[in-house]
Amino acid sequence: MADISFIVPKGLYDRYKGLMSVLKMDITLSQEDPQMDVIVMTKAADTRQQDFLDLLEVIRLHICHCEDLMSDTGGVGKAWIFHR
């Protein structure tokens, strides 16, 4: 089961996959929708939950800043929806 999902504009994951790949997590990418991608992230078993969430918060803020986006939570805090 996913710990966190990012719902991002189409193509954004390609620009940040290098950054995300260095974190200890499994990533599943869904690109079925023509306008958005869904990045599903599950922390590695040996990673503390709070460390995982802190790192994802840094990535979220970095993406919002660099791409001039905003993000809202959905799914009881389990999903971040990025938009202009």
N, C-alpha and C. Protein backbone atom coordinates (compact mmCIF):
# COMPACT_ATOMS: atom_id res chain seq x y z
N MET A 1 0.83 -1.18 0.00
CA MET A 1 0.00 0.00 0.00
C MET A 1 0.88 1.25 0.00
N ALA A 2 0.46 2.25 -0.74
CA ALA A 2 1.24 3.48 -0.87
C ALA A 2 1.22 4.28 0.43
N ASP A 3 2.37 4.89 0.70
CA ASP A 3 2.44 5.80 1.84
C ASP A 3 1.98 7.19 1.43
N ILE A 4 2.43 7.63 0.25
CA ILE A 4 2.11 8.98 -0.25
C ILE A 4 2.02 8.92 -1.78
N SER A 5 1.14 9.74 -2.34
CA SER A 5 1.05 9.89 -3.79
C SER A 5 1.16 11.36 -4.14
N PHE A 6 1.87 11.64 -5.22
CA PHE A 6 1.92 12.97 -5.80
C PHE A 6 1.15 12.90 -7.11
N ILE A 7 0.19 13.78 -7.30
CA ILE A 7 -0.54 13.89 -8.57
C ILE A 7 -0.03 15.18 -9.20
N VAL A 8 0.69 15.01 -10.32
CA VAL A 8 1.44 16.13 -10.89
C VAL A 8 1.08 16.34 -12.36
N PRO A 9 1.32 17.56 -12.87
CA PRO A 9 1.10 17.80 -14.30
C PRO A 9 1.96 16.84 -15.14
N LYS A 10 1.44 16.47 -16.28
CA LYS A 10 2.10 15.54 -17.18
C LYS A 10 3.54 15.98 -17.46
N GLY A 11 4.47 15.04 -17.35
CA GLY A 11 5.87 15.29 -17.67
C GLY A 11 6.72 15.77 -16.51
N LEU A 12 6.10 16.18 -15.41
CA LEU A 12 6.88 16.71 -14.29
C LEU A 12 7.76 15.64 -13.66
N TYR A 13 7.27 14.42 -13.56
CA TYR A 13 8.06 13.35 -12.95
C TYR A 13 9.39 13.17 -13.69
N ASP A 14 9.38 13.26 -14.99
CA ASP A 14 10.61 13.07 -15.77
C ASP A 14 11.69 14.07 -15.36
N ARG A 15 11.30 15.26 -14.98
CA ARG A 15 12.27 16.28 -14.58
C ARG A 15 12.84 16.04 -13.17
N TYR A 16 12.12 15.29 -12.34
CA TYR A 16 12.53 15.10 -10.95
C TYR A 16 12.80 13.64 -10.57
N LYS A 17 12.75 12.73 -11.52
CA LYS A 17 12.95 11.32 -11.17
C LYS A 17 14.35 11.05 -10.63
N GLY A 18 15.35 11.80 -11.05
CA GLY A 18 16.69 11.63 -10.51
C GLY A 18 16.74 11.96 -9.03
N LEU A 19 16.07 13.01 -8.64
CA LEU A 19 16.00 13.40 -7.23
C LEU A 19 15.24 12.36 -6.42
N MET A 20 14.13 11.91 -6.94
CA MET A 20 13.30 10.94 -6.21
C MET A 20 13.97 9.57 -6.12
N SER A 21 14.76 9.23 -7.10
CA SER A 21 15.35 7.89 -7.13
C SER A 21 16.42 7.69 -6.06
N VAL A 22 16.97 8.75 -5.49
CA VAL A 22 17.99 8.59 -4.46
C VAL A 22 17.40 8.30 -3.08
N LEU A 23 16.10 8.50 -2.92
CA LEU A 23 15.45 8.24 -1.64
C LEU A 23 15.14 6.75 -1.50
N LYS A 24 15.11 6.30 -0.26
CA LYS A 24 14.81 4.90 0.02
C LYS A 24 13.31 4.68 -0.05
N MET A 25 12.80 4.44 -1.26
CA MET A 25 11.38 4.19 -1.43
C MET A 25 11.15 3.50 -2.76
N ASP A 26 10.04 2.81 -2.83
CA ASP A 26 9.59 2.22 -4.09
C ASP A 26 8.69 3.23 -4.76
N ILE A 27 8.87 3.40 -6.07
CA ILE A 27 8.08 4.37 -6.82
C ILE A 27 7.35 3.64 -7.93
N THR A 28 6.05 3.89 -8.02
CA THR A 28 5.24 3.39 -9.12
C THR A 28 4.67 4.61 -9.82
N LEU A 29 4.78 4.62 -11.13
CA LEU A 29 4.32 5.76 -11.92
C LEU A 29 3.16 5.35 -12.80
N SER A 30 2.08 6.10 -12.75
CA SER A 30 0.95 5.89 -13.64
C SER A 30 0.85 7.10 -14.56
N GLN A 31 0.92 6.84 -15.87
CA GLN A 31 0.84 7.92 -16.86
C GLN A 31 -0.35 7.74 -17.78
N GLU A 32 -1.39 7.11 -17.28
CA GLU A 32 -2.56 6.80 -18.11
C GLU A 32 -3.38 8.04 -18.46
N ASP A 33 -3.45 9.01 -17.56
CA ASP A 33 -4.22 10.22 -17.81
C ASP A 33 -3.44 11.13 -18.76
N PRO A 34 -4.11 11.74 -19.74
CA PRO A 34 -3.40 12.59 -20.70
C PRO A 34 -2.88 13.92 -20.13
N GLN A 35 -3.37 14.33 -18.95
CA GLN A 35 -2.98 15.62 -18.40
C GLN A 35 -2.18 15.54 -17.11
N MET A 36 -2.16 14.37 -16.47
CA MET A 36 -1.43 14.27 -15.21
C MET A 36 -0.79 12.90 -15.06
N ASP A 37 0.22 12.88 -14.20
CA ASP A 37 0.89 11.64 -13.81
C ASP A 37 0.64 11.42 -12.33
N VAL A 38 0.57 10.18 -11.92
CA VAL A 38 0.42 9.84 -10.51
C VAL A 38 1.68 9.09 -10.08
N ILE A 39 2.36 9.65 -9.09
CA ILE A 39 3.58 9.05 -8.55
C ILE A 39 3.21 8.46 -7.19
N VAL A 40 3.28 7.15 -7.08
CA VAL A 40 2.94 6.46 -5.85
C VAL A 40 4.23 6.05 -5.17
N MET A 41 4.42 6.48 -3.92
CA MET A 41 5.68 6.24 -3.21
C MET A 41 5.42 5.46 -1.93
N THR A 42 6.22 4.43 -1.73
CA THR A 42 6.15 3.60 -0.53
C THR A 42 7.53 3.56 0.09
N LYS A 43 7.61 3.87 1.36
CA LYS A 43 8.92 3.93 2.03
C LYS A 43 9.51 2.53 2.16
N ALA A 44 10.84 2.49 2.17
CA ALA A 44 11.55 1.23 2.40
C ALA A 44 11.32 0.80 3.85
N ALA A 45 11.37 -0.49 4.08
CA ALA A 45 11.09 -1.04 5.42
C ALA A 45 12.05 -0.50 6.48
N ASP A 46 13.29 -0.22 6.10
CA ASP A 46 14.28 0.23 7.07
C ASP A 46 14.34 1.75 7.23
N THR A 47 13.34 2.46 6.72
CA THR A 47 13.30 3.92 6.82
C THR A 47 12.26 4.33 7.86
N ARG A 48 12.64 5.24 8.72
CA ARG A 48 11.68 5.77 9.70
C ARG A 48 10.59 6.57 8.99
N GLN A 49 9.36 6.41 9.43
CA GLN A 49 8.23 7.09 8.82
C GLN A 49 8.42 8.60 8.81
N GLN A 50 8.87 9.17 9.92
CA GLN A 50 9.02 10.62 9.99
C GLN A 50 10.12 11.12 9.05
N ASP A 51 11.21 10.38 8.94
CA ASP A 51 12.28 10.76 8.00
C ASP A 51 11.75 10.76 6.57
N PHE A 52 10.99 9.73 6.23
CA PHE A 52 10.39 9.61 4.89
C PHE A 52 9.48 10.80 4.61
N LEU A 53 8.60 11.12 5.55
CA LEU A 53 7.67 12.24 5.36
C LEU A 53 8.40 13.58 5.29
N ASP A 54 9.45 13.75 6.08
CA ASP A 54 10.23 14.99 6.03
C ASP A 54 10.90 15.17 4.68
N LEU A 55 11.47 14.11 4.14
CA LEU A 55 12.12 14.19 2.83
C LEU A 55 11.12 14.48 1.72
N LEU A 56 9.96 13.87 1.80
CA LEU A 56 8.93 14.14 0.80
C LEU A 56 8.43 15.58 0.88
N GLU A 57 8.39 16.11 2.09
CA GLU A 57 7.98 17.52 2.25
C GLU A 57 9.00 18.45 1.59
N VAL A 58 10.26 18.15 1.74
CA VAL A 58 11.31 18.95 1.08
C VAL A 58 11.17 18.86 -0.44
N ILE A 59 10.95 17.66 -0.95
CA ILE A 59 10.76 17.49 -2.39
C ILE A 59 9.52 18.25 -2.86
N ARG A 60 8.43 18.15 -2.12
CA ARG A 60 7.20 18.85 -2.49
C ARG A 60 7.43 20.36 -2.58
N LEU A 61 8.07 20.92 -1.57
CA LEU A 61 8.34 22.36 -1.57
C LEU A 61 9.29 22.76 -2.70
N HIS A 62 10.30 21.93 -2.96
CA HIS A 62 11.25 22.20 -4.04
C HIS A 62 10.53 22.21 -5.40
N ILE A 63 9.68 21.22 -5.64
CA ILE A 63 8.93 21.17 -6.90
C ILE A 63 8.01 22.38 -7.03
N CYS A 64 7.29 22.71 -5.96
CA CYS A 64 6.39 23.87 -6.01
C CYS A 64 7.16 25.15 -6.33
N HIS A 65 8.30 25.33 -5.69
CA HIS A 65 9.11 26.52 -5.91
C HIS A 65 9.66 26.57 -7.34
N CYS A 66 10.26 25.49 -7.79
CA CYS A 66 10.91 25.47 -9.10
C CYS A 66 9.92 25.52 -10.26
N GLU A 67 8.76 24.93 -10.08
CA GLU A 67 7.78 24.84 -11.17
C GLU A 67 6.67 25.87 -11.04
N ASP A 68 6.73 26.74 -10.03
CA ASP A 68 5.70 27.74 -9.78
C ASP A 68 4.32 27.08 -9.65
N LEU A 69 4.26 26.05 -8.79
CA LEU A 69 3.03 25.30 -8.56
C LEU A 69 2.57 25.48 -7.11
N MET A 70 1.34 25.12 -6.88
CA MET A 70 0.80 24.99 -5.54
C MET A 70 0.44 23.53 -5.34
N SER A 71 0.22 23.12 -4.10
CA SER A 71 -0.21 21.74 -3.87
C SER A 71 -1.22 21.71 -2.73
N ASP A 72 -2.17 20.84 -2.89
CA ASP A 72 -3.21 20.62 -1.88
C ASP A 72 -3.20 19.15 -1.51
N THR A 73 -3.64 18.87 -0.29
CA THR A 73 -3.72 17.48 0.12
C THR A 73 -5.08 16.90 -0.21
N GLY A 74 -5.08 15.62 -0.39
CA GLY A 74 -6.31 14.86 -0.62
C GLY A 74 -6.12 13.49 -0.02
N GLY A 75 -7.15 12.69 0.01
CA GLY A 75 -7.03 11.33 0.50
C GLY A 75 -6.55 11.25 1.93
N VAL A 76 -7.06 12.09 2.80
CA VAL A 76 -6.70 12.12 4.22
C VAL A 76 -5.19 12.29 4.39
N GLY A 77 -4.62 13.21 3.64
CA GLY A 77 -3.20 13.50 3.76
C GLY A 77 -2.28 12.51 3.09
N LYS A 78 -2.83 11.59 2.33
CA LYS A 78 -2.02 10.57 1.66
C LYS A 78 -1.67 10.95 0.23
N ALA A 79 -2.23 12.04 -0.26
CA ALA A 79 -1.97 12.46 -1.64
C ALA A 79 -1.74 13.98 -1.68
N TRP A 80 -0.81 14.37 -2.52
CA TRP A 80 -0.57 15.79 -2.79
C TRP A 80 -0.93 16.03 -4.24
N ILE A 81 -1.78 17.01 -4.49
CA ILE A 81 -2.23 17.36 -5.83
C ILE A 81 -1.56 18.67 -6.20
N PHE A 82 -0.72 18.64 -7.23
CA PHE A 82 0.03 19.82 -7.66
C PHE A 82 -0.72 20.50 -8.80
N HIS A 83 -0.81 21.82 -8.74
CA HIS A 83 -1.53 22.57 -9.77
C HIS A 83 -1.01 24.00 -9.84
N ARG A 84 -1.38 24.70 -10.87
CA ARG A 84 -1.01 26.10 -11.04
C ARG A 84 -1.97 26.99 -10.30
